[in-house]
């Protein structure tokens, strides 16, 4: 399977997950039942007519997503196609997936590898009040409050490409779609040894990113 095909499938899963979360409708509240009128006993019977009971106020109907509105999805990532060619494959796959699923897609990324700028871009995405946000969780500690702010605002958040999942990252986003970077590095090392190698070098072009740091540790 080609790299572009893998990227396309990954992005379909990513965006579809956000669509499901954004389109989820709240559970309708059941109508309250009126309490049965208690029949008076012989000792408590009165000549006064019974007082009418007030009907409970009507409950508001649950909000239903407009099926005709194009959903707005924001993607915040730690790199862009303009300066990291790997993300060019992802860019094309995201655009194709957005077209196939008929939604509006906005991709935000820094002009160089700068995790502080990525954190600010998460704030920018939250302020736009989109229907969902996908983010590369490249620094869970730095991004934690930013992502939590989105979750508290009712915006579904999915991690992809960089991250360890909600439990390990300590952030209650919906799910993580991506690879285990430590295992990726470990398996690469095993292949190196199997090929007869005795020494290896891990080139980390984005030092400080939790994903590549974990890969080199593996």
N, C-alpha and C. Protein backbone atom coordinates (compact mmCIF):
# COMPACT_ATOMS: atom_id res chain seq x y z
N UNK A 1 0.85 -1.19 0.00
CA UNK A 1 0.00 0.00 0.00
C UNK A 1 0.89 1.24 0.00
N UNK A 2 0.59 2.21 -0.86
CA UNK A 2 1.42 3.41 -0.99
C UNK A 2 1.27 4.30 0.23
N UNK A 3 2.27 5.18 0.42
CA UNK A 3 2.24 6.09 1.55
C UNK A 3 1.06 7.05 1.46
N UNK A 4 0.76 7.51 0.24
CA UNK A 4 -0.37 8.44 0.07
C UNK A 4 -1.69 7.76 0.40
N UNK A 5 -1.80 6.46 0.08
CA UNK A 5 -3.03 5.73 0.39
C UNK A 5 -3.18 5.55 1.89
N UNK A 6 -2.08 5.25 2.56
CA UNK A 6 -2.12 5.12 4.02
C UNK A 6 -2.52 6.44 4.66
N UNK A 7 -1.94 7.54 4.16
CA UNK A 7 -2.27 8.86 4.70
C UNK A 7 -3.74 9.19 4.49
N UNK A 8 -4.27 8.83 3.31
CA UNK A 8 -5.68 9.10 3.03
C UNK A 8 -6.59 8.33 3.98
N UNK A 9 -6.32 7.06 4.17
CA UNK A 9 -7.14 6.24 5.07
C UNK A 9 -7.07 6.78 6.49
N UNK A 10 -5.85 7.16 6.92
CA UNK A 10 -5.69 7.72 8.26
C UNK A 10 -6.53 8.97 8.44
N UNK A 11 -6.52 9.85 7.45
CA UNK A 11 -7.26 11.10 7.57
C UNK A 11 -8.76 10.89 7.46
N UNK A 12 -9.19 9.91 6.68
CA UNK A 12 -10.61 9.58 6.65
C UNK A 12 -11.07 9.14 8.04
N UNK A 13 -10.28 8.27 8.68
CA UNK A 13 -10.62 7.82 10.03
C UNK A 13 -10.61 8.98 11.00
N UNK A 14 -9.62 9.85 10.88
CA UNK A 14 -9.49 10.99 11.77
C UNK A 14 -10.69 11.92 11.66
N UNK A 15 -11.01 12.32 10.43
CA UNK A 15 -12.09 13.28 10.23
C UNK A 15 -13.44 12.63 10.49
N UNK A 16 -13.59 11.36 10.13
CA UNK A 16 -14.85 10.67 10.39
C UNK A 16 -15.13 10.59 11.88
N UNK A 17 -14.08 10.37 12.67
CA UNK A 17 -14.25 10.35 14.12
C UNK A 17 -14.75 11.67 14.65
N UNK A 18 -14.21 12.77 14.13
CA UNK A 18 -14.67 14.09 14.54
C UNK A 18 -16.10 14.34 14.07
N UNK A 19 -16.43 13.86 12.87
CA UNK A 19 -17.79 14.03 12.37
C UNK A 19 -18.80 13.33 13.27
N UNK A 20 -18.48 12.12 13.67
CA UNK A 20 -19.39 11.37 14.55
C UNK A 20 -19.59 12.10 15.86
N UNK A 21 -18.51 12.64 16.40
CA UNK A 21 -18.61 13.35 17.68
C UNK A 21 -19.38 14.65 17.51
N UNK A 22 -19.13 15.37 16.41
CA UNK A 22 -19.78 16.65 16.19
C UNK A 22 -21.27 16.49 15.90
N UNK A 23 -21.64 15.39 15.26
CA UNK A 23 -23.03 15.17 14.88
C UNK A 23 -23.84 14.47 15.95
N UNK A 24 -23.19 14.03 17.01
CA UNK A 24 -23.91 13.31 18.06
C UNK A 24 -24.96 14.22 18.68
N UNK A 25 -26.15 13.71 18.81
CA UNK A 25 -27.22 14.49 19.40
C UNK A 25 -27.41 14.08 20.84
N UNK A 26 -27.71 15.05 21.73
CA UNK A 26 -27.93 14.69 23.12
C UNK A 26 -29.14 13.80 23.28
N UNK A 27 -29.11 12.98 24.30
CA UNK A 27 -30.21 12.07 24.57
C UNK A 27 -31.44 12.85 25.01
N UNK A 28 -32.57 12.55 24.40
CA UNK A 28 -33.81 13.23 24.76
C UNK A 28 -34.23 12.83 26.15
N UNK A 29 -34.69 13.84 26.90
CA UNK A 29 -35.15 13.56 28.25
C UNK A 29 -36.56 13.01 28.20
N UNK A 30 -36.83 12.00 28.97
CA UNK A 30 -38.16 11.42 28.99
C UNK A 30 -39.13 12.34 29.69
N UNK A 31 -40.35 12.38 29.20
CA UNK A 31 -41.36 13.25 29.77
C UNK A 31 -41.71 12.78 31.17
N UNK A 32 -41.73 13.71 32.15
CA UNK A 32 -42.05 13.29 33.51
C UNK A 32 -43.49 12.82 33.61
N UNK A 33 -43.71 11.83 34.40
CA UNK A 33 -45.06 11.32 34.61
C UNK A 33 -45.70 12.03 35.78
N UNK A 34 -47.01 12.27 35.66
CA UNK A 34 -47.72 12.93 36.74
C UNK A 34 -47.96 11.94 37.86
N UNK A 35 -47.71 12.37 39.09
CA UNK A 35 -47.96 11.46 40.21
C UNK A 35 -49.45 11.14 40.33
N UNK A 36 -49.75 9.92 40.66
CA UNK A 36 -51.15 9.52 40.83
C UNK A 36 -51.75 10.23 42.03
N UNK A 37 -52.99 10.69 41.85
CA UNK A 37 -53.67 11.35 42.96
C UNK A 37 -53.98 10.35 44.06
N UNK A 38 -53.63 10.72 45.28
CA UNK A 38 -53.85 9.84 46.41
C UNK A 38 -55.32 9.88 46.81
N UNK A 39 -55.92 8.70 46.94
CA UNK A 39 -57.31 8.63 47.37
C UNK A 39 -57.40 8.88 48.87
N UNK A 40 -58.26 9.79 49.30
CA UNK A 40 -58.36 10.07 50.74
C UNK A 40 -58.95 8.88 51.48
N UNK A 41 -58.46 8.67 52.68
CA UNK A 41 -59.02 7.63 53.55
C UNK A 41 -60.24 8.17 54.25
N UNK A 42 -60.95 7.26 54.90
CA UNK A 42 -62.19 7.67 55.58
C UNK A 42 -61.92 8.70 56.64
N UNK A 43 -60.77 8.59 57.31
CA UNK A 43 -60.46 9.51 58.40
C UNK A 43 -60.06 10.87 57.88
N UNK A 44 -59.58 10.92 56.63
CA UNK A 44 -59.07 12.19 56.13
C UNK A 44 -59.98 12.81 55.08
N UNK A 45 -61.15 12.22 54.83
CA UNK A 45 -62.04 12.78 53.83
C UNK A 45 -62.53 14.14 54.27
N UNK A 46 -62.64 15.04 53.29
CA UNK A 46 -63.07 16.39 53.59
C UNK A 46 -64.17 16.78 52.64
N UNK A 47 -64.95 17.74 53.08
CA UNK A 47 -66.01 18.24 52.21
C UNK A 47 -65.47 19.21 51.17
N UNK A 48 -64.17 19.65 51.33
CA UNK A 48 -63.59 20.58 50.37
C UNK A 48 -63.26 19.83 49.07
N UNK A 49 -63.52 20.45 47.92
CA UNK A 49 -63.16 19.79 46.65
C UNK A 49 -61.64 19.68 46.52
N UNK A 50 -61.16 18.64 45.86
CA UNK A 50 -59.70 18.47 45.71
C UNK A 50 -59.10 19.59 44.87
N UNK A 51 -57.88 20.03 45.28
CA UNK A 51 -57.19 21.09 44.55
C UNK A 51 -56.58 20.51 43.27
N UNK A 52 -56.73 21.22 42.15
CA UNK A 52 -56.13 20.71 40.90
C UNK A 52 -54.60 20.73 40.98
N UNK A 53 -54.00 19.71 40.42
CA UNK A 53 -52.54 19.64 40.41
C UNK A 53 -52.01 20.34 39.17
N UNK A 54 -50.87 21.02 39.33
CA UNK A 54 -50.27 21.73 38.20
C UNK A 54 -49.47 20.77 37.34
N UNK A 55 -49.64 20.90 36.04
CA UNK A 55 -48.86 20.07 35.11
C UNK A 55 -47.41 20.54 35.12
N UNK A 56 -46.47 19.62 35.04
CA UNK A 56 -45.05 20.03 35.02
C UNK A 56 -44.74 20.82 33.76
N UNK A 57 -43.79 21.75 33.84
CA UNK A 57 -43.45 22.54 32.66
C UNK A 57 -42.91 21.65 31.55
N UNK A 58 -43.22 21.98 30.31
CA UNK A 58 -42.74 21.15 29.20
C UNK A 58 -41.22 21.19 29.10
N UNK A 59 -40.64 20.08 28.75
CA UNK A 59 -39.18 20.02 28.58
C UNK A 59 -38.82 20.43 27.17
N UNK A 60 -37.69 21.11 27.05
CA UNK A 60 -37.25 21.56 25.73
C UNK A 60 -36.77 20.38 24.91
N UNK A 61 -37.04 20.44 23.63
CA UNK A 61 -36.64 19.35 22.74
C UNK A 61 -35.13 19.35 22.57
N UNK A 62 -34.51 18.18 22.44
CA UNK A 62 -33.06 18.12 22.27
C UNK A 62 -32.63 18.75 20.95
N UNK A 63 -31.45 19.36 20.99
CA UNK A 63 -30.91 19.98 19.79
C UNK A 63 -30.46 18.93 18.79
N UNK A 64 -30.82 19.11 17.54
CA UNK A 64 -30.44 18.18 16.48
C UNK A 64 -29.54 18.90 15.49
N UNK A 65 -28.43 18.28 15.11
CA UNK A 65 -27.51 18.90 14.16
C UNK A 65 -28.19 19.09 12.81
N UNK A 66 -27.95 20.24 12.19
CA UNK A 66 -28.51 20.54 10.88
C UNK A 66 -27.80 19.69 9.83
N UNK A 67 -28.51 18.76 9.18
CA UNK A 67 -27.83 17.88 8.21
C UNK A 67 -27.37 18.61 6.96
N UNK A 68 -27.86 19.82 6.74
CA UNK A 68 -27.50 20.56 5.54
C UNK A 68 -26.32 21.51 5.75
N UNK A 69 -25.86 21.64 6.98
CA UNK A 69 -24.75 22.56 7.27
C UNK A 69 -23.41 21.84 7.14
N UNK A 70 -22.49 22.44 6.41
CA UNK A 70 -21.14 21.88 6.31
C UNK A 70 -20.41 22.09 7.64
N UNK A 71 -19.88 21.03 8.19
CA UNK A 71 -19.17 21.14 9.45
C UNK A 71 -17.80 21.77 9.24
N UNK A 72 -17.34 22.48 10.26
CA UNK A 72 -16.04 23.13 10.22
C UNK A 72 -15.06 22.37 11.12
N UNK A 73 -14.02 21.82 10.53
CA UNK A 73 -13.02 21.06 11.26
C UNK A 73 -11.68 21.80 11.20
N UNK A 74 -11.04 21.96 12.35
CA UNK A 74 -9.72 22.57 12.42
C UNK A 74 -8.68 21.50 12.71
N UNK A 75 -7.54 21.59 12.05
CA UNK A 75 -6.41 20.71 12.30
C UNK A 75 -5.23 21.57 12.74
N UNK A 76 -4.66 21.26 13.89
CA UNK A 76 -3.48 21.97 14.39
C UNK A 76 -2.33 20.97 14.43
N UNK A 77 -1.27 21.25 13.69
CA UNK A 77 -0.16 20.31 13.61
C UNK A 77 1.17 21.04 13.80
N UNK A 78 2.21 20.28 14.15
CA UNK A 78 3.49 20.89 14.52
C UNK A 78 4.39 21.17 13.33
N UNK A 79 3.94 20.83 12.13
CA UNK A 79 4.74 21.07 10.93
C UNK A 79 3.80 21.29 9.75
N UNK A 80 4.34 21.91 8.69
CA UNK A 80 3.56 22.18 7.48
C UNK A 80 4.32 21.71 6.25
N UNK A 81 3.56 21.50 5.19
CA UNK A 81 4.14 21.07 3.91
C UNK A 81 5.18 22.06 3.40
N UNK A 82 5.00 23.35 3.73
CA UNK A 82 5.90 24.39 3.22
C UNK A 82 7.35 24.17 3.62
N UNK A 83 7.58 23.50 4.77
CA UNK A 83 8.97 23.31 5.21
C UNK A 83 9.27 21.89 5.69
N UNK A 84 8.31 20.99 5.57
CA UNK A 84 8.53 19.59 5.92
C UNK A 84 7.79 18.74 4.89
N UNK A 85 8.54 18.15 3.96
CA UNK A 85 7.93 17.49 2.81
C UNK A 85 7.04 16.32 3.20
N UNK A 86 7.29 15.69 4.36
CA UNK A 86 6.43 14.57 4.77
C UNK A 86 4.98 15.03 4.89
N UNK A 87 4.79 16.26 5.33
CA UNK A 87 3.43 16.76 5.55
C UNK A 87 2.73 17.12 4.25
N UNK A 88 3.46 17.12 3.13
CA UNK A 88 2.80 17.36 1.84
C UNK A 88 1.87 16.19 1.50
N UNK A 89 2.31 14.98 1.84
CA UNK A 89 1.45 13.81 1.63
C UNK A 89 0.20 13.92 2.50
N UNK A 90 0.38 14.33 3.75
CA UNK A 90 -0.76 14.48 4.66
C UNK A 90 -1.69 15.59 4.18
N UNK A 91 -1.11 16.67 3.67
CA UNK A 91 -1.92 17.80 3.19
C UNK A 91 -2.87 17.36 2.08
N UNK A 92 -2.32 16.64 1.09
CA UNK A 92 -3.16 16.17 0.00
C UNK A 92 -4.23 15.20 0.47
N UNK A 93 -3.87 14.33 1.42
CA UNK A 93 -4.84 13.36 1.94
C UNK A 93 -5.95 14.05 2.72
N UNK A 94 -5.58 15.06 3.52
CA UNK A 94 -6.59 15.80 4.29
C UNK A 94 -7.57 16.52 3.37
N UNK A 95 -7.03 17.17 2.35
CA UNK A 95 -7.90 17.91 1.43
C UNK A 95 -8.84 16.97 0.69
N UNK A 96 -8.34 15.80 0.29
CA UNK A 96 -9.19 14.84 -0.41
C UNK A 96 -10.26 14.30 0.53
N UNK A 97 -9.89 13.99 1.77
CA UNK A 97 -10.86 13.48 2.74
C UNK A 97 -11.93 14.52 3.04
N UNK A 98 -11.52 15.79 3.17
CA UNK A 98 -12.48 16.86 3.44
C UNK A 98 -13.46 17.01 2.28
N UNK A 99 -12.95 16.89 1.06
CA UNK A 99 -13.81 16.98 -0.12
C UNK A 99 -14.78 15.81 -0.17
N UNK A 100 -14.29 14.61 0.11
CA UNK A 100 -15.14 13.42 0.06
C UNK A 100 -16.22 13.47 1.13
N UNK A 101 -15.91 14.06 2.27
CA UNK A 101 -16.86 14.09 3.38
C UNK A 101 -17.65 15.40 3.43
N UNK A 102 -17.39 16.31 2.46
CA UNK A 102 -18.16 17.55 2.31
C UNK A 102 -18.13 18.41 3.57
N UNK A 103 -16.92 18.77 3.99
CA UNK A 103 -16.79 19.64 5.15
C UNK A 103 -15.73 20.70 4.89
N UNK A 104 -15.75 21.72 5.73
CA UNK A 104 -14.77 22.80 5.65
C UNK A 104 -13.57 22.45 6.53
N UNK A 105 -12.38 22.52 5.97
CA UNK A 105 -11.17 22.14 6.69
C UNK A 105 -10.22 23.32 6.76
N UNK A 106 -9.75 23.61 7.97
CA UNK A 106 -8.74 24.65 8.19
C UNK A 106 -7.54 24.02 8.88
N UNK A 107 -6.37 24.14 8.27
CA UNK A 107 -5.15 23.56 8.83
C UNK A 107 -4.25 24.68 9.34
N UNK A 108 -3.84 24.58 10.60
CA UNK A 108 -2.96 25.56 11.22
C UNK A 108 -1.65 24.89 11.60
N UNK A 109 -0.55 25.59 11.37
CA UNK A 109 0.76 25.08 11.74
C UNK A 109 1.76 26.21 11.84
N UNK A 110 2.87 26.00 12.54
CA UNK A 110 3.87 27.05 12.71
C UNK A 110 4.71 27.24 11.45
N UNK A 111 5.40 28.39 11.35
CA UNK A 111 6.26 28.64 10.20
C UNK A 111 7.63 27.98 10.36
N UNK A 112 7.87 27.37 11.52
CA UNK A 112 9.04 26.54 11.78
C UNK A 112 8.70 25.69 13.00
N UNK A 113 9.58 24.75 13.35
CA UNK A 113 9.26 23.89 14.49
C UNK A 113 9.32 24.70 15.77
N UNK A 114 8.16 25.02 16.30
CA UNK A 114 8.04 25.88 17.48
C UNK A 114 6.80 25.44 18.24
N UNK A 115 6.99 24.66 19.30
CA UNK A 115 5.85 24.11 20.03
C UNK A 115 5.05 25.18 20.76
N UNK A 116 5.70 26.26 21.18
CA UNK A 116 4.97 27.34 21.82
C UNK A 116 4.00 27.98 20.83
N UNK A 117 4.43 28.12 19.60
CA UNK A 117 3.54 28.67 18.57
C UNK A 117 2.39 27.71 18.29
N UNK A 118 2.67 26.41 18.32
CA UNK A 118 1.60 25.42 18.13
C UNK A 118 0.56 25.54 19.24
N UNK A 119 1.03 25.74 20.47
CA UNK A 119 0.11 25.91 21.60
C UNK A 119 -0.80 27.11 21.38
N UNK A 120 -0.23 28.20 20.85
CA UNK A 120 -1.03 29.40 20.57
C UNK A 120 -2.02 29.13 19.44
N UNK A 121 -1.64 28.30 18.49
CA UNK A 121 -2.55 27.97 17.39
C UNK A 121 -3.72 27.11 17.88
N UNK A 122 -3.49 26.31 18.92
CA UNK A 122 -4.61 25.56 19.50
C UNK A 122 -5.62 26.54 20.09
N UNK A 123 -5.13 27.57 20.78
CA UNK A 123 -6.02 28.61 21.30
C UNK A 123 -6.80 29.27 20.17
N UNK A 124 -6.11 29.53 19.06
CA UNK A 124 -6.77 30.16 17.90
C UNK A 124 -7.87 29.27 17.35
N UNK A 125 -7.61 27.98 17.31
CA UNK A 125 -8.62 27.04 16.81
C UNK A 125 -9.82 26.99 17.75
N UNK A 126 -9.58 26.98 19.04
CA UNK A 126 -10.67 26.94 20.02
C UNK A 126 -11.53 28.19 19.90
N UNK A 127 -10.88 29.35 19.71
CA UNK A 127 -11.61 30.61 19.61
C UNK A 127 -12.52 30.65 18.39
N UNK A 128 -12.19 29.87 17.36
CA UNK A 128 -13.02 29.83 16.15
C UNK A 128 -14.30 29.02 16.35
N UNK A 129 -14.40 28.31 17.46
CA UNK A 129 -15.57 27.49 17.80
C UNK A 129 -15.95 26.51 16.67
N UNK A 130 -15.01 25.68 16.25
CA UNK A 130 -15.31 24.73 15.18
C UNK A 130 -16.12 23.55 15.70
N UNK A 131 -16.50 22.68 14.80
CA UNK A 131 -17.25 21.48 15.19
C UNK A 131 -16.33 20.38 15.69
N UNK A 132 -15.04 20.50 15.45
CA UNK A 132 -14.09 19.51 15.93
C UNK A 132 -12.67 19.98 15.67
N UNK A 133 -11.74 19.48 16.48
CA UNK A 133 -10.32 19.83 16.33
C UNK A 133 -9.49 18.55 16.35
N UNK A 134 -8.58 18.44 15.40
CA UNK A 134 -7.57 17.38 15.41
C UNK A 134 -6.23 18.03 15.68
N UNK A 135 -5.44 17.46 16.57
CA UNK A 135 -4.18 18.09 16.97
C UNK A 135 -3.09 17.04 17.13
N UNK A 136 -1.89 17.39 16.70
CA UNK A 136 -0.73 16.54 16.98
C UNK A 136 -0.29 16.87 18.41
N UNK A 137 -0.39 15.89 19.28
CA UNK A 137 -0.08 16.14 20.70
C UNK A 137 1.43 15.97 20.89
N UNK A 138 2.17 16.91 20.33
CA UNK A 138 3.63 16.82 20.30
C UNK A 138 4.26 17.13 21.65
N UNK A 139 3.55 17.86 22.49
CA UNK A 139 4.02 18.16 23.85
C UNK A 139 2.81 18.13 24.78
N UNK A 140 2.50 16.97 25.36
CA UNK A 140 1.30 16.84 26.18
C UNK A 140 1.25 17.83 27.34
N UNK A 141 2.37 18.10 27.98
CA UNK A 141 2.37 19.01 29.12
C UNK A 141 2.05 20.44 28.68
N UNK A 142 2.66 20.87 27.59
CA UNK A 142 2.44 22.23 27.11
C UNK A 142 1.03 22.40 26.55
N UNK A 143 0.52 21.36 25.92
CA UNK A 143 -0.78 21.47 25.25
C UNK A 143 -1.96 21.13 26.16
N UNK A 144 -1.71 20.60 27.34
CA UNK A 144 -2.78 20.06 28.18
C UNK A 144 -3.89 21.08 28.44
N UNK A 145 -3.53 22.25 28.96
CA UNK A 145 -4.55 23.25 29.29
C UNK A 145 -5.26 23.75 28.04
N UNK A 146 -4.53 23.84 26.94
CA UNK A 146 -5.12 24.32 25.69
C UNK A 146 -6.19 23.35 25.19
N UNK A 147 -5.83 22.07 25.19
CA UNK A 147 -6.78 21.05 24.72
C UNK A 147 -7.95 20.93 25.68
N UNK A 148 -7.67 21.03 26.98
CA UNK A 148 -8.74 20.95 27.97
C UNK A 148 -9.75 22.08 27.79
N UNK A 149 -9.25 23.26 27.39
CA UNK A 149 -10.13 24.39 27.15
C UNK A 149 -11.10 24.09 26.01
N UNK A 150 -10.61 23.42 25.00
CA UNK A 150 -11.49 23.03 23.88
C UNK A 150 -12.53 22.02 24.35
N UNK A 151 -12.10 21.04 25.13
CA UNK A 151 -13.02 20.02 25.63
C UNK A 151 -14.08 20.65 26.51
N UNK A 152 -13.67 21.57 27.38
CA UNK A 152 -14.61 22.24 28.27
C UNK A 152 -15.62 23.08 27.49
N UNK A 153 -15.23 23.53 26.30
CA UNK A 153 -16.13 24.32 25.45
C UNK A 153 -17.06 23.43 24.63
N UNK A 154 -16.94 22.11 24.81
CA UNK A 154 -17.81 21.19 24.09
C UNK A 154 -17.33 20.84 22.69
N UNK A 155 -16.07 21.11 22.40
CA UNK A 155 -15.52 20.82 21.07
C UNK A 155 -14.84 19.46 21.10
N UNK A 156 -15.25 18.51 20.26
CA UNK A 156 -14.57 17.21 20.21
C UNK A 156 -13.12 17.38 19.74
N UNK A 157 -12.21 16.69 20.41
CA UNK A 157 -10.79 16.77 20.07
C UNK A 157 -10.24 15.36 19.85
N UNK A 158 -9.48 15.19 18.77
CA UNK A 158 -8.83 13.93 18.46
C UNK A 158 -7.33 14.20 18.29
N UNK A 159 -6.50 13.34 18.86
CA UNK A 159 -5.06 13.44 18.66
C UNK A 159 -4.64 12.57 17.50
N UNK A 160 -3.60 13.00 16.75
CA UNK A 160 -3.12 12.18 15.64
C UNK A 160 -1.64 12.44 15.41
N UNK A 161 -0.97 11.47 14.83
CA UNK A 161 0.43 11.54 14.43
C UNK A 161 1.41 11.60 15.60
N UNK A 162 1.18 12.47 16.55
CA UNK A 162 2.05 12.58 17.72
C UNK A 162 1.18 12.54 18.97
N UNK A 163 1.55 11.66 19.88
CA UNK A 163 0.77 11.52 21.11
C UNK A 163 0.85 10.09 21.61
N UNK A 164 0.33 9.90 22.81
CA UNK A 164 0.36 8.57 23.43
C UNK A 164 -1.03 8.06 23.79
N UNK A 165 -2.06 8.82 23.43
CA UNK A 165 -3.41 8.45 23.81
C UNK A 165 -3.85 9.24 25.03
N UNK A 166 -5.16 9.35 25.24
CA UNK A 166 -5.69 10.17 26.33
C UNK A 166 -5.16 9.78 27.70
N UNK A 167 -5.05 8.49 27.99
CA UNK A 167 -4.64 8.06 29.33
C UNK A 167 -3.20 8.44 29.62
N UNK A 168 -2.28 8.09 28.74
CA UNK A 168 -0.87 8.38 28.98
C UNK A 168 -0.58 9.87 28.91
N UNK A 169 -1.26 10.58 28.03
CA UNK A 169 -1.04 12.02 27.92
C UNK A 169 -1.70 12.78 29.06
N UNK A 170 -2.65 12.14 29.75
CA UNK A 170 -3.34 12.82 30.84
C UNK A 170 -4.29 13.90 30.38
N UNK A 171 -4.80 13.76 29.16
CA UNK A 171 -5.73 14.74 28.58
C UNK A 171 -6.93 13.96 28.04
N UNK A 172 -8.14 14.29 28.44
CA UNK A 172 -9.30 13.48 28.03
C UNK A 172 -9.83 13.78 26.64
N UNK A 173 -8.95 13.82 25.63
CA UNK A 173 -9.46 13.93 24.26
C UNK A 173 -10.04 12.58 23.84
N UNK A 174 -10.73 12.54 22.71
CA UNK A 174 -11.52 11.37 22.35
C UNK A 174 -10.67 10.13 22.10
N UNK A 175 -9.68 10.25 21.23
CA UNK A 175 -8.86 9.09 20.89
C UNK A 175 -7.60 9.56 20.18
N UNK A 176 -6.69 8.63 19.95
CA UNK A 176 -5.45 8.93 19.24
C UNK A 176 -5.34 8.03 18.02
N UNK A 177 -5.05 8.61 16.87
CA UNK A 177 -4.84 7.85 15.65
C UNK A 177 -3.39 8.07 15.21
N UNK A 178 -2.59 7.04 15.32
CA UNK A 178 -1.19 7.18 14.97
C UNK A 178 -0.37 6.00 15.44
N UNK A 179 0.91 6.14 15.34
CA UNK A 179 1.83 5.06 15.65
C UNK A 179 2.39 5.19 17.07
N UNK A 180 2.89 4.07 17.59
CA UNK A 180 3.63 4.05 18.84
C UNK A 180 5.09 4.35 18.49
N UNK A 181 5.55 5.55 18.78
CA UNK A 181 6.87 5.98 18.34
C UNK A 181 8.00 5.18 19.00
N UNK A 182 7.84 4.85 20.26
CA UNK A 182 8.89 4.06 20.93
C UNK A 182 9.04 2.71 20.24
N UNK A 183 7.91 2.06 19.97
CA UNK A 183 7.96 0.77 19.29
C UNK A 183 8.52 0.91 17.87
N UNK A 184 8.22 2.04 17.23
CA UNK A 184 8.76 2.28 15.90
C UNK A 184 10.28 2.31 15.92
N UNK A 185 10.84 3.02 16.91
CA UNK A 185 12.29 3.07 17.04
C UNK A 185 12.88 1.72 17.40
N UNK A 186 12.19 1.01 18.29
CA UNK A 186 12.67 -0.31 18.72
C UNK A 186 12.69 -1.29 17.55
N UNK A 187 11.63 -1.31 16.76
CA UNK A 187 11.57 -2.22 15.62
C UNK A 187 12.61 -1.85 14.56
N UNK A 188 12.86 -0.56 14.39
CA UNK A 188 13.90 -0.14 13.45
C UNK A 188 15.27 -0.64 13.92
N UNK A 189 15.50 -0.57 15.24
CA UNK A 189 16.75 -1.08 15.78
C UNK A 189 16.91 -2.57 15.57
N UNK A 190 15.83 -3.32 15.73
CA UNK A 190 15.88 -4.77 15.51
C UNK A 190 16.22 -5.10 14.06
N UNK A 191 15.66 -4.34 13.14
CA UNK A 191 15.95 -4.58 11.72
C UNK A 191 17.41 -4.25 11.41
N UNK A 192 17.92 -3.21 12.08
CA UNK A 192 19.32 -2.85 11.88
C UNK A 192 20.24 -3.98 12.34
N UNK A 193 19.92 -4.55 13.51
CA UNK A 193 20.72 -5.65 14.05
C UNK A 193 20.61 -6.88 13.14
N UNK A 194 19.38 -7.16 12.68
CA UNK A 194 19.17 -8.32 11.81
C UNK A 194 19.93 -8.19 10.50
N UNK A 195 20.16 -6.96 10.07
CA UNK A 195 20.90 -6.73 8.82
C UNK A 195 22.41 -6.73 9.03
N UNK A 196 22.84 -6.98 10.28
CA UNK A 196 24.27 -7.05 10.57
C UNK A 196 24.86 -5.79 11.14
N UNK A 197 24.03 -4.79 11.39
CA UNK A 197 24.54 -3.54 11.95
C UNK A 197 24.92 -3.68 13.41
N UNK A 198 25.91 -2.93 13.82
CA UNK A 198 26.36 -2.96 15.22
C UNK A 198 26.19 -1.61 15.90
N UNK A 199 26.13 -0.56 15.15
CA UNK A 199 25.94 0.77 15.70
C UNK A 199 24.92 1.52 14.84
N UNK A 200 24.17 2.36 15.48
CA UNK A 200 23.17 3.13 14.75
C UNK A 200 23.08 4.55 15.27
N UNK A 201 22.56 5.43 14.46
CA UNK A 201 22.37 6.83 14.84
C UNK A 201 20.92 7.20 14.56
N UNK A 202 20.27 7.78 15.54
CA UNK A 202 18.90 8.27 15.36
C UNK A 202 18.95 9.77 15.10
N UNK A 203 18.53 10.18 13.94
CA UNK A 203 18.54 11.60 13.58
C UNK A 203 17.19 12.21 13.97
N UNK A 204 17.23 13.12 14.91
CA UNK A 204 16.02 13.79 15.41
C UNK A 204 16.03 15.22 14.90
N UNK A 205 15.22 15.51 13.91
CA UNK A 205 15.20 16.85 13.32
C UNK A 205 14.22 17.79 14.02
N UNK A 206 13.53 17.29 15.05
CA UNK A 206 12.60 18.13 15.80
C UNK A 206 12.75 17.82 17.29
N UNK A 207 13.91 18.16 17.82
CA UNK A 207 14.21 17.88 19.23
C UNK A 207 13.23 18.63 20.13
N UNK A 208 12.70 17.92 21.10
CA UNK A 208 11.70 18.51 21.99
C UNK A 208 10.30 18.00 21.70
N UNK A 209 10.10 17.48 20.50
CA UNK A 209 8.82 16.86 20.18
C UNK A 209 8.74 15.48 20.81
N UNK A 210 7.70 15.23 21.57
CA UNK A 210 7.60 13.97 22.31
C UNK A 210 7.62 12.76 21.38
N UNK A 211 7.13 12.93 20.17
CA UNK A 211 7.06 11.78 19.25
C UNK A 211 8.44 11.33 18.79
N UNK A 212 9.26 12.24 18.29
CA UNK A 212 10.58 11.84 17.80
C UNK A 212 11.54 11.54 18.95
N UNK A 213 11.37 12.21 20.08
CA UNK A 213 12.19 11.86 21.24
C UNK A 213 11.95 10.41 21.65
N UNK A 214 10.67 10.00 21.64
CA UNK A 214 10.33 8.62 22.00
C UNK A 214 10.88 7.64 20.96
N UNK A 215 10.85 8.02 19.69
CA UNK A 215 11.36 7.13 18.64
C UNK A 215 12.85 6.87 18.83
N UNK A 216 13.60 7.91 19.14
CA UNK A 216 15.04 7.73 19.34
C UNK A 216 15.33 6.93 20.61
N UNK A 217 14.50 7.08 21.63
CA UNK A 217 14.67 6.27 22.83
C UNK A 217 14.45 4.79 22.54
N UNK A 218 13.50 4.50 21.64
CA UNK A 218 13.24 3.11 21.28
C UNK A 218 14.41 2.49 20.55
